[in-house]
Amino acid sequence: MPFQILLNIIIAVMWMFLSETYNFTTFVVGYIIGALMLFVLQRFVPGTFYFKRVVGVVKLILLFARELLLSNLDIVKLAYKPKLDFQPGIFALPIELKSNWEITLLANLISLTPGTLSLEISEDYSKIYIHAMDIPDVEQSINDIKDTFEKAIMEVTR
């Protein structure tokens, strides 16, 4: 991936030299041309096309923003209910992530959304223990995290 980005920047700079215009617009045009060239010739460049990961990172950021907003609304609803009838608890989330970076990112995303907190990661790195403010259904909570954050992280890193 870093090689492809460097190659794309070199193509953009070469485009600036060939067009004899040294401004940001020419660089952007050269960068787009370089990205298209790398996409067409991706069979000859090592690794997968890097723009797929860039799109995955943008999706992960937008997913986190959406989950942050929705969990804030849920917490506000729980806080302003006249009768406190939520069910806090701790559950174990089985994970398929392998690297320390992936696991750390998942644990941080879980902790940054209001109402949930990553407590501990098991010694074999196969589970994350999570405290949630309201758990009506443990299986649903596990599936929600696996279908959103874990899936998005695997799209970015694999």
N, C-alpha and C. Protein backbone atom coordinates (compact mmCIF):
# COMPACT_ATOMS: atom_id res chain seq x y z
N MET A 1 0.81 -1.20 0.00
CA MET A 1 0.00 0.00 0.00
C MET A 1 0.86 1.27 0.00
N PRO A 2 1.89 1.40 0.87
CA PRO A 2 2.70 2.62 0.84
C PRO A 2 3.42 2.80 -0.50
N PHE A 3 3.83 1.68 -1.11
CA PHE A 3 4.48 1.75 -2.41
C PHE A 3 3.54 2.33 -3.46
N GLN A 4 2.29 1.92 -3.43
CA GLN A 4 1.31 2.41 -4.40
C GLN A 4 1.03 3.90 -4.20
N ILE A 5 0.96 4.35 -2.97
CA ILE A 5 0.73 5.77 -2.69
C ILE A 5 1.92 6.59 -3.18
N LEU A 6 3.14 6.10 -2.90
CA LEU A 6 4.34 6.79 -3.36
C LEU A 6 4.38 6.84 -4.89
N LEU A 7 4.06 5.74 -5.53
CA LEU A 7 4.02 5.68 -6.99
C LEU A 7 2.98 6.65 -7.55
N ASN A 8 1.85 6.75 -6.90
CA ASN A 8 0.80 7.67 -7.33
C ASN A 8 1.26 9.13 -7.19
N ILE A 9 1.95 9.45 -6.13
CA ILE A 9 2.47 10.81 -5.94
C ILE A 9 3.54 11.12 -6.99
N ILE A 10 4.39 10.14 -7.30
CA ILE A 10 5.42 10.35 -8.33
C ILE A 10 4.76 10.61 -9.68
N ILE A 11 3.72 9.87 -10.00
CA ILE A 11 3.00 10.09 -11.26
C ILE A 11 2.39 11.49 -11.27
N ALA A 12 1.85 11.93 -10.15
CA ALA A 12 1.24 13.28 -10.09
C ALA A 12 2.30 14.36 -10.28
N VAL A 13 3.47 14.19 -9.68
CA VAL A 13 4.55 15.17 -9.85
C VAL A 13 5.05 15.16 -11.29
N MET A 14 5.17 13.98 -11.88
CA MET A 14 5.57 13.89 -13.29
C MET A 14 4.55 14.59 -14.18
N TRP A 15 3.27 14.46 -13.86
CA TRP A 15 2.23 15.15 -14.62
C TRP A 15 2.40 16.66 -14.54
N MET A 16 2.75 17.14 -13.36
CA MET A 16 2.99 18.58 -13.20
C MET A 16 4.15 19.02 -14.08
N PHE A 17 5.24 18.23 -14.12
CA PHE A 17 6.39 18.59 -14.94
C PHE A 17 6.04 18.54 -16.42
N LEU A 18 5.27 17.54 -16.83
CA LEU A 18 4.92 17.42 -18.24
C LEU A 18 3.98 18.53 -18.70
N SER A 19 3.09 18.97 -17.82
CA SER A 19 2.15 20.03 -18.21
C SER A 19 2.73 21.42 -17.95
N GLU A 20 3.90 21.50 -17.30
CA GLU A 20 4.59 22.75 -16.98
C GLU A 20 3.71 23.74 -16.21
N THR A 21 2.84 23.20 -15.39
CA THR A 21 2.01 24.02 -14.51
C THR A 21 2.18 23.47 -13.10
N TYR A 22 2.66 24.33 -12.21
CA TYR A 22 3.01 23.86 -10.87
C TYR A 22 2.04 24.44 -9.84
N ASN A 23 0.82 23.92 -9.86
CA ASN A 23 -0.16 24.35 -8.86
C ASN A 23 -0.91 23.13 -8.34
N PHE A 24 -1.74 23.36 -7.35
CA PHE A 24 -2.43 22.26 -6.68
C PHE A 24 -3.41 21.56 -7.60
N THR A 25 -4.08 22.30 -8.47
CA THR A 25 -5.06 21.71 -9.38
C THR A 25 -4.39 20.71 -10.32
N THR A 26 -3.23 21.07 -10.85
CA THR A 26 -2.51 20.16 -11.73
C THR A 26 -2.05 18.92 -10.98
N PHE A 27 -1.64 19.11 -9.73
CA PHE A 27 -1.25 17.96 -8.92
C PHE A 27 -2.43 17.02 -8.71
N VAL A 28 -3.61 17.56 -8.40
CA VAL A 28 -4.80 16.73 -8.18
C VAL A 28 -5.17 15.98 -9.45
N VAL A 29 -5.11 16.65 -10.59
CA VAL A 29 -5.40 15.99 -11.87
C VAL A 29 -4.40 14.86 -12.10
N GLY A 30 -3.13 15.12 -11.84
CA GLY A 30 -2.11 14.08 -11.98
C GLY A 30 -2.32 12.93 -11.01
N TYR A 31 -2.77 13.26 -9.81
CA TYR A 31 -3.03 12.22 -8.81
C TYR A 31 -4.18 11.32 -9.26
N ILE A 32 -5.22 11.93 -9.82
CA ILE A 32 -6.36 11.14 -10.31
C ILE A 32 -5.93 10.29 -11.49
N ILE A 33 -5.14 10.85 -12.39
CA ILE A 33 -4.63 10.06 -13.52
C ILE A 33 -3.77 8.91 -13.02
N GLY A 34 -2.93 9.18 -12.03
CA GLY A 34 -2.10 8.12 -11.44
C GLY A 34 -2.92 7.03 -10.79
N ALA A 35 -3.98 7.43 -10.09
CA ALA A 35 -4.86 6.43 -9.46
C ALA A 35 -5.54 5.57 -10.51
N LEU A 36 -5.97 6.19 -11.59
CA LEU A 36 -6.59 5.42 -12.68
C LEU A 36 -5.58 4.47 -13.32
N MET A 37 -4.35 4.96 -13.51
CA MET A 37 -3.31 4.09 -14.08
C MET A 37 -3.02 2.90 -13.17
N LEU A 38 -2.93 3.16 -11.86
CA LEU A 38 -2.67 2.07 -10.91
C LEU A 38 -3.83 1.08 -10.88
N PHE A 39 -5.04 1.59 -11.03
CA PHE A 39 -6.20 0.69 -11.05
C PHE A 39 -6.18 -0.20 -12.29
N VAL A 40 -5.89 0.40 -13.43
CA VAL A 40 -5.86 -0.38 -14.68
C VAL A 40 -4.70 -1.37 -14.67
N LEU A 41 -3.57 -0.97 -14.12
CA LEU A 41 -2.38 -1.82 -14.12
C LEU A 41 -2.15 -2.52 -12.78
N GLN A 42 -3.20 -2.72 -12.00
CA GLN A 42 -3.02 -3.28 -10.66
C GLN A 42 -2.48 -4.70 -10.67
N ARG A 43 -2.59 -5.38 -11.77
CA ARG A 43 -2.06 -6.72 -11.89
C ARG A 43 -0.53 -6.72 -11.85
N PHE A 44 0.09 -5.61 -12.23
CA PHE A 44 1.54 -5.51 -12.29
C PHE A 44 2.14 -4.86 -11.05
N VAL A 45 1.30 -4.33 -10.18
CA VAL A 45 1.76 -3.66 -8.96
C VAL A 45 1.49 -4.58 -7.78
N PRO A 46 2.48 -4.77 -6.89
CA PRO A 46 2.26 -5.69 -5.76
C PRO A 46 1.19 -5.19 -4.80
N GLY A 47 0.44 -6.13 -4.23
CA GLY A 47 -0.60 -5.80 -3.26
C GLY A 47 -1.91 -5.46 -3.93
N THR A 48 -2.93 -5.30 -3.10
CA THR A 48 -4.24 -4.92 -3.62
C THR A 48 -4.27 -3.41 -3.84
N PHE A 49 -5.19 -2.97 -4.65
CA PHE A 49 -5.31 -1.55 -4.97
C PHE A 49 -5.60 -0.78 -3.68
N TYR A 50 -4.79 0.24 -3.38
CA TYR A 50 -4.85 0.91 -2.08
C TYR A 50 -6.12 1.72 -1.88
N PHE A 51 -6.79 2.10 -2.94
CA PHE A 51 -7.99 2.91 -2.79
C PHE A 51 -9.11 2.14 -2.11
N LYS A 52 -9.07 0.80 -2.18
CA LYS A 52 -10.07 -0.01 -1.49
C LYS A 52 -9.97 0.20 0.02
N ARG A 53 -8.74 0.28 0.51
CA ARG A 53 -8.57 0.53 1.95
C ARG A 53 -8.96 1.94 2.34
N VAL A 54 -8.69 2.88 1.47
CA VAL A 54 -9.08 4.27 1.74
C VAL A 54 -10.60 4.36 1.87
N VAL A 55 -11.31 3.70 0.96
CA VAL A 55 -12.78 3.68 1.03
C VAL A 55 -13.23 2.98 2.31
N GLY A 56 -12.54 1.91 2.69
CA GLY A 56 -12.87 1.20 3.93
C GLY A 56 -12.66 2.07 5.17
N VAL A 57 -11.62 2.87 5.18
CA VAL A 57 -11.36 3.77 6.31
C VAL A 57 -12.47 4.84 6.40
N VAL A 58 -12.86 5.37 5.25
CA VAL A 58 -13.94 6.37 5.25
C VAL A 58 -15.24 5.74 5.75
N LYS A 59 -15.53 4.51 5.31
CA LYS A 59 -16.73 3.81 5.80
C LYS A 59 -16.67 3.61 7.31
N LEU A 60 -15.49 3.23 7.82
CA LEU A 60 -15.34 3.01 9.26
C LEU A 60 -15.56 4.31 10.03
N ILE A 61 -15.05 5.40 9.54
CA ILE A 61 -15.23 6.70 10.21
C ILE A 61 -16.71 7.09 10.22
N LEU A 62 -17.37 6.92 9.08
CA LEU A 62 -18.80 7.26 9.01
C LEU A 62 -19.64 6.33 9.90
N LEU A 63 -19.27 5.04 9.94
CA LEU A 63 -19.96 4.08 10.80
C LEU A 63 -19.81 4.49 12.27
N PHE A 64 -18.59 4.87 12.66
CA PHE A 64 -18.37 5.29 14.04
C PHE A 64 -19.18 6.53 14.37
N ALA A 65 -19.22 7.48 13.45
CA ALA A 65 -19.99 8.71 13.68
C ALA A 65 -21.47 8.39 13.86
N ARG A 66 -21.99 7.48 13.03
CA ARG A 66 -23.40 7.10 13.16
C ARG A 66 -23.67 6.40 14.49
N GLU A 67 -22.81 5.44 14.84
CA GLU A 67 -22.99 4.72 16.10
C GLU A 67 -22.83 5.65 17.30
N LEU A 68 -21.94 6.61 17.20
CA LEU A 68 -21.76 7.58 18.28
C LEU A 68 -23.03 8.40 18.47
N LEU A 69 -23.60 8.85 17.39
CA LEU A 69 -24.83 9.64 17.47
C LEU A 69 -26.00 8.81 18.02
N LEU A 70 -26.16 7.60 17.50
CA LEU A 70 -27.27 6.75 17.96
C LEU A 70 -27.12 6.36 19.43
N SER A 71 -25.90 6.04 19.85
CA SER A 71 -25.72 5.66 21.26
C SER A 71 -25.91 6.86 22.18
N ASN A 72 -25.53 8.04 21.74
CA ASN A 72 -25.81 9.24 22.55
C ASN A 72 -27.30 9.45 22.72
N LEU A 73 -28.05 9.26 21.65
CA LEU A 73 -29.50 9.39 21.76
C LEU A 73 -30.09 8.34 22.70
N ASP A 74 -29.59 7.11 22.64
CA ASP A 74 -30.07 6.06 23.54
C ASP A 74 -29.77 6.39 25.00
N ILE A 75 -28.60 6.91 25.27
CA ILE A 75 -28.23 7.26 26.64
C ILE A 75 -29.09 8.42 27.15
N VAL A 76 -29.36 9.39 26.29
CA VAL A 76 -30.22 10.51 26.70
C VAL A 76 -31.62 10.00 27.01
N LYS A 77 -32.13 9.08 26.20
CA LYS A 77 -33.46 8.51 26.48
C LYS A 77 -33.48 7.78 27.81
N LEU A 78 -32.41 7.00 28.09
CA LEU A 78 -32.36 6.29 29.37
C LEU A 78 -32.23 7.25 30.55
N ALA A 79 -31.47 8.30 30.38
CA ALA A 79 -31.24 9.23 31.49
C ALA A 79 -32.48 10.04 31.84
N TYR A 80 -33.32 10.33 30.85
CA TYR A 80 -34.49 11.17 31.10
C TYR A 80 -35.78 10.39 31.31
N LYS A 81 -35.69 9.09 31.39
CA LYS A 81 -36.89 8.32 31.73
C LYS A 81 -37.23 8.57 33.20
N PRO A 82 -38.52 8.66 33.49
CA PRO A 82 -38.89 8.87 34.90
C PRO A 82 -38.57 7.65 35.76
N LYS A 83 -38.66 6.47 35.17
CA LYS A 83 -38.36 5.25 35.90
C LYS A 83 -37.13 4.59 35.27
N LEU A 84 -36.11 4.37 36.10
CA LEU A 84 -34.89 3.75 35.59
C LEU A 84 -35.11 2.24 35.48
N ASP A 85 -35.31 1.76 34.26
CA ASP A 85 -35.56 0.33 34.08
C ASP A 85 -34.60 -0.27 33.04
N PHE A 86 -33.35 0.12 33.12
CA PHE A 86 -32.38 -0.48 32.21
C PHE A 86 -31.66 -1.62 32.91
N GLN A 87 -30.99 -2.46 32.09
CA GLN A 87 -30.34 -3.67 32.59
C GLN A 87 -28.85 -3.63 32.29
N PRO A 88 -28.03 -3.10 33.19
CA PRO A 88 -26.59 -3.10 32.94
C PRO A 88 -26.01 -4.50 33.11
N GLY A 89 -24.88 -4.73 32.46
CA GLY A 89 -24.25 -6.03 32.60
C GLY A 89 -22.93 -6.11 31.86
N ILE A 90 -22.26 -7.24 32.08
CA ILE A 90 -20.98 -7.52 31.43
C ILE A 90 -21.16 -8.76 30.57
N PHE A 91 -20.64 -8.70 29.35
CA PHE A 91 -20.69 -9.88 28.47
C PHE A 91 -19.37 -10.03 27.75
N ALA A 92 -19.13 -11.25 27.26
CA ALA A 92 -17.91 -11.56 26.52
C ALA A 92 -18.21 -11.54 25.03
N LEU A 93 -17.45 -10.76 24.29
CA LEU A 93 -17.60 -10.65 22.84
C LEU A 93 -16.52 -11.49 22.17
N PRO A 94 -16.89 -12.60 21.54
CA PRO A 94 -15.87 -13.38 20.79
C PRO A 94 -15.47 -12.62 19.54
N ILE A 95 -14.17 -12.54 19.29
CA ILE A 95 -13.69 -11.75 18.15
C ILE A 95 -12.91 -12.63 17.18
N GLU A 96 -12.92 -12.21 15.93
CA GLU A 96 -12.18 -12.91 14.88
C GLU A 96 -10.91 -12.15 14.49
N LEU A 97 -10.69 -11.00 15.08
CA LEU A 97 -9.53 -10.18 14.74
C LEU A 97 -8.27 -10.84 15.30
N LYS A 98 -7.17 -10.67 14.57
CA LYS A 98 -5.94 -11.36 14.95
C LYS A 98 -4.84 -10.43 15.48
N SER A 99 -4.61 -9.31 14.80
CA SER A 99 -3.47 -8.47 15.19
C SER A 99 -3.82 -7.59 16.39
N ASN A 100 -2.79 -7.17 17.08
CA ASN A 100 -2.99 -6.31 18.25
C ASN A 100 -3.61 -4.98 17.85
N TRP A 101 -3.24 -4.47 16.67
CA TRP A 101 -3.77 -3.19 16.20
C TRP A 101 -5.27 -3.28 15.97
N GLU A 102 -5.73 -4.37 15.36
CA GLU A 102 -7.17 -4.55 15.10
C GLU A 102 -7.95 -4.65 16.40
N ILE A 103 -7.42 -5.44 17.34
CA ILE A 103 -8.11 -5.64 18.62
C ILE A 103 -8.15 -4.33 19.41
N THR A 104 -7.05 -3.59 19.40
CA THR A 104 -7.01 -2.32 20.11
C THR A 104 -7.99 -1.32 19.51
N LEU A 105 -8.06 -1.29 18.18
CA LEU A 105 -9.00 -0.38 17.51
C LEU A 105 -10.44 -0.73 17.88
N LEU A 106 -10.78 -2.01 17.86
CA LEU A 106 -12.13 -2.44 18.22
C LEU A 106 -12.44 -2.07 19.67
N ALA A 107 -11.52 -2.34 20.57
CA ALA A 107 -11.75 -2.02 21.99
C ALA A 107 -11.93 -0.52 22.19
N ASN A 108 -11.17 0.29 21.48
CA ASN A 108 -11.31 1.75 21.60
C ASN A 108 -12.61 2.24 21.00
N LEU A 109 -13.02 1.69 19.86
CA LEU A 109 -14.29 2.11 19.27
C LEU A 109 -15.46 1.76 20.18
N ILE A 110 -15.37 0.61 20.83
CA ILE A 110 -16.43 0.21 21.77
C ILE A 110 -16.44 1.15 22.96
N SER A 111 -15.27 1.49 23.49
CA SER A 111 -15.21 2.36 24.67
C SER A 111 -15.60 3.79 24.35
N LEU A 112 -15.38 4.24 23.13
CA LEU A 112 -15.70 5.62 22.78
C LEU A 112 -17.19 5.84 22.55
N THR A 113 -17.94 4.78 22.28
CA THR A 113 -19.39 4.96 22.14
C THR A 113 -20.02 4.96 23.53
N PRO A 114 -20.84 5.94 23.83
CA PRO A 114 -21.44 6.03 25.17
C PRO A 114 -22.31 4.81 25.49
N GLY A 115 -22.23 4.40 26.72
CA GLY A 115 -23.04 3.27 27.19
C GLY A 115 -22.29 1.95 27.19
N THR A 116 -21.12 1.90 26.57
CA THR A 116 -20.32 0.67 26.56
C THR A 116 -18.89 0.99 26.97
N LEU A 117 -18.24 -0.02 27.54
CA LEU A 117 -16.86 0.15 27.99
C LEU A 117 -16.14 -1.19 27.86
N SER A 118 -15.00 -1.19 27.19
CA SER A 118 -14.19 -2.40 27.10
C SER A 118 -13.44 -2.57 28.41
N LEU A 119 -13.64 -3.69 29.06
CA LEU A 119 -13.01 -3.92 30.36
C LEU A 119 -11.68 -4.63 30.25
N GLU A 120 -11.67 -5.73 29.49
CA GLU A 120 -10.47 -6.55 29.43
C GLU A 120 -10.49 -7.39 28.16
N ILE A 121 -9.30 -7.77 27.72
CA ILE A 121 -9.14 -8.68 26.59
C ILE A 121 -8.58 -9.97 27.15
N SER A 122 -9.16 -11.09 26.73
CA SER A 122 -8.71 -12.38 27.26
C SER A 122 -7.26 -12.64 26.88
N GLU A 123 -6.61 -13.53 27.63
CA GLU A 123 -5.19 -13.79 27.42
C GLU A 123 -4.89 -14.41 26.06
N ASP A 124 -5.85 -15.15 25.50
CA ASP A 124 -5.64 -15.75 24.17
C ASP A 124 -6.15 -14.85 23.05
N TYR A 125 -6.53 -13.62 23.38
CA TYR A 125 -6.99 -12.61 22.42
C TYR A 125 -8.20 -13.06 21.60
N SER A 126 -9.05 -13.86 22.19
CA SER A 126 -10.23 -14.34 21.46
C SER A 126 -11.53 -13.69 21.94
N LYS A 127 -11.47 -12.95 23.06
CA LYS A 127 -12.68 -12.32 23.60
C LYS A 127 -12.34 -10.96 24.18
N ILE A 128 -13.32 -10.08 24.08
CA ILE A 128 -13.25 -8.79 24.77
C ILE A 128 -14.41 -8.74 25.73
N TYR A 129 -14.13 -8.43 26.98
CA TYR A 129 -15.18 -8.31 27.99
C TYR A 129 -15.67 -6.87 28.01
N ILE A 130 -16.98 -6.72 27.86
CA ILE A 130 -17.57 -5.40 27.69
C ILE A 130 -18.64 -5.17 28.75
N HIS A 131 -18.63 -3.97 29.32
CA HIS A 131 -19.71 -3.55 30.20
C HIS A 131 -20.63 -2.65 29.39
N ALA A 132 -21.91 -2.96 29.42
CA ALA A 132 -22.90 -2.14 28.71
C ALA A 132 -23.91 -1.61 29.71
N MET A 133 -24.38 -0.41 29.46
CA MET A 133 -25.33 0.24 30.36
C MET A 133 -26.71 -0.40 30.27
N ASP A 134 -27.08 -0.86 29.09
CA ASP A 134 -28.39 -1.48 28.91
C ASP A 134 -28.25 -2.65 27.94
N ILE A 135 -28.49 -3.86 28.45
CA ILE A 135 -28.40 -5.07 27.63
C ILE A 135 -29.72 -5.83 27.70
N PRO A 136 -30.67 -5.51 26.85
CA PRO A 136 -31.91 -6.29 26.85
C PRO A 136 -31.68 -7.71 26.31
N ASP A 137 -30.77 -7.84 25.33
CA ASP A 137 -30.48 -9.14 24.74
C ASP A 137 -28.98 -9.21 24.45
N VAL A 138 -28.28 -10.13 25.12
CA VAL A 138 -26.83 -10.24 24.98
C VAL A 138 -26.45 -10.65 23.55
N GLU A 139 -27.15 -11.62 23.00
CA GLU A 139 -26.83 -12.09 21.65
C GLU A 139 -27.01 -10.97 20.62
N GLN A 140 -28.02 -10.17 20.78
CA GLN A 140 -28.24 -9.05 19.87
C GLN A 140 -27.11 -8.04 19.98
N SER A 141 -26.66 -7.77 21.21
CA SER A 141 -25.55 -6.84 21.41
C SER A 141 -24.27 -7.36 20.76
N ILE A 142 -24.01 -8.66 20.91
CA ILE A 142 -22.83 -9.26 20.29
C ILE A 142 -22.92 -9.16 18.77
N ASN A 143 -24.07 -9.50 18.22
CA ASN A 143 -24.24 -9.45 16.77
C ASN A 143 -24.13 -8.02 16.24
N ASP A 144 -24.65 -7.05 16.99
CA ASP A 144 -24.55 -5.65 16.55
C ASP A 144 -23.09 -5.22 16.43
N ILE A 145 -22.27 -5.55 17.42
CA ILE A 145 -20.86 -5.15 17.39
C ILE A 145 -20.12 -5.89 16.29
N LYS A 146 -20.38 -7.19 16.15
CA LYS A 146 -19.70 -7.98 15.12
C LYS A 146 -20.08 -7.52 13.71
N ASP A 147 -21.35 -7.16 13.51
CA ASP A 147 -21.80 -6.76 12.18
C ASP A 147 -21.40 -5.33 11.82
N THR A 148 -21.07 -4.52 12.80
CA THR A 148 -20.71 -3.14 12.49
C THR A 148 -19.20 -2.94 12.61
N PHE A 149 -18.70 -2.81 13.81
CA PHE A 149 -17.30 -2.44 14.01
C PHE A 149 -16.33 -3.51 13.55
N GLU A 150 -16.55 -4.76 13.95
CA GLU A 150 -15.59 -5.80 13.61
C GLU A 150 -15.53 -6.03 12.10
N LYS A 151 -16.67 -6.03 11.46
CA LYS A 151 -16.72 -6.22 10.01
C LYS A 151 -16.01 -5.06 9.28
N ALA A 152 -16.24 -3.84 9.74
CA ALA A 152 -15.61 -2.67 9.12
C ALA A 152 -14.09 -2.67 9.31
N ILE A 153 -13.64 -3.09 10.48
CA ILE A 153 -12.21 -3.16 10.74
C ILE A 153 -11.56 -4.21 9.85
N MET A 154 -12.22 -5.33 9.67
CA MET A 154 -11.65 -6.37 8.80
C MET A 154 -11.63 -5.93 7.34
N GLU A 155 -12.57 -5.10 6.92
CA GLU A 155 -12.53 -4.56 5.55
C GLU A 155 -11.32 -3.64 5.35
N VAL A 156 -10.94 -2.93 6.39
CA VAL A 156 -9.82 -2.02 6.27
C VAL A 156 -8.48 -2.77 6.31
N THR A 157 -8.36 -3.73 7.18
CA THR A 157 -7.06 -4.36 7.41
C THR A 157 -6.80 -5.60 6.56
N ARG A 158 -7.79 -6.14 5.93
CA ARG A 158 -7.55 -7.37 5.17
C ARG A 158 -7.91 -7.22 3.73
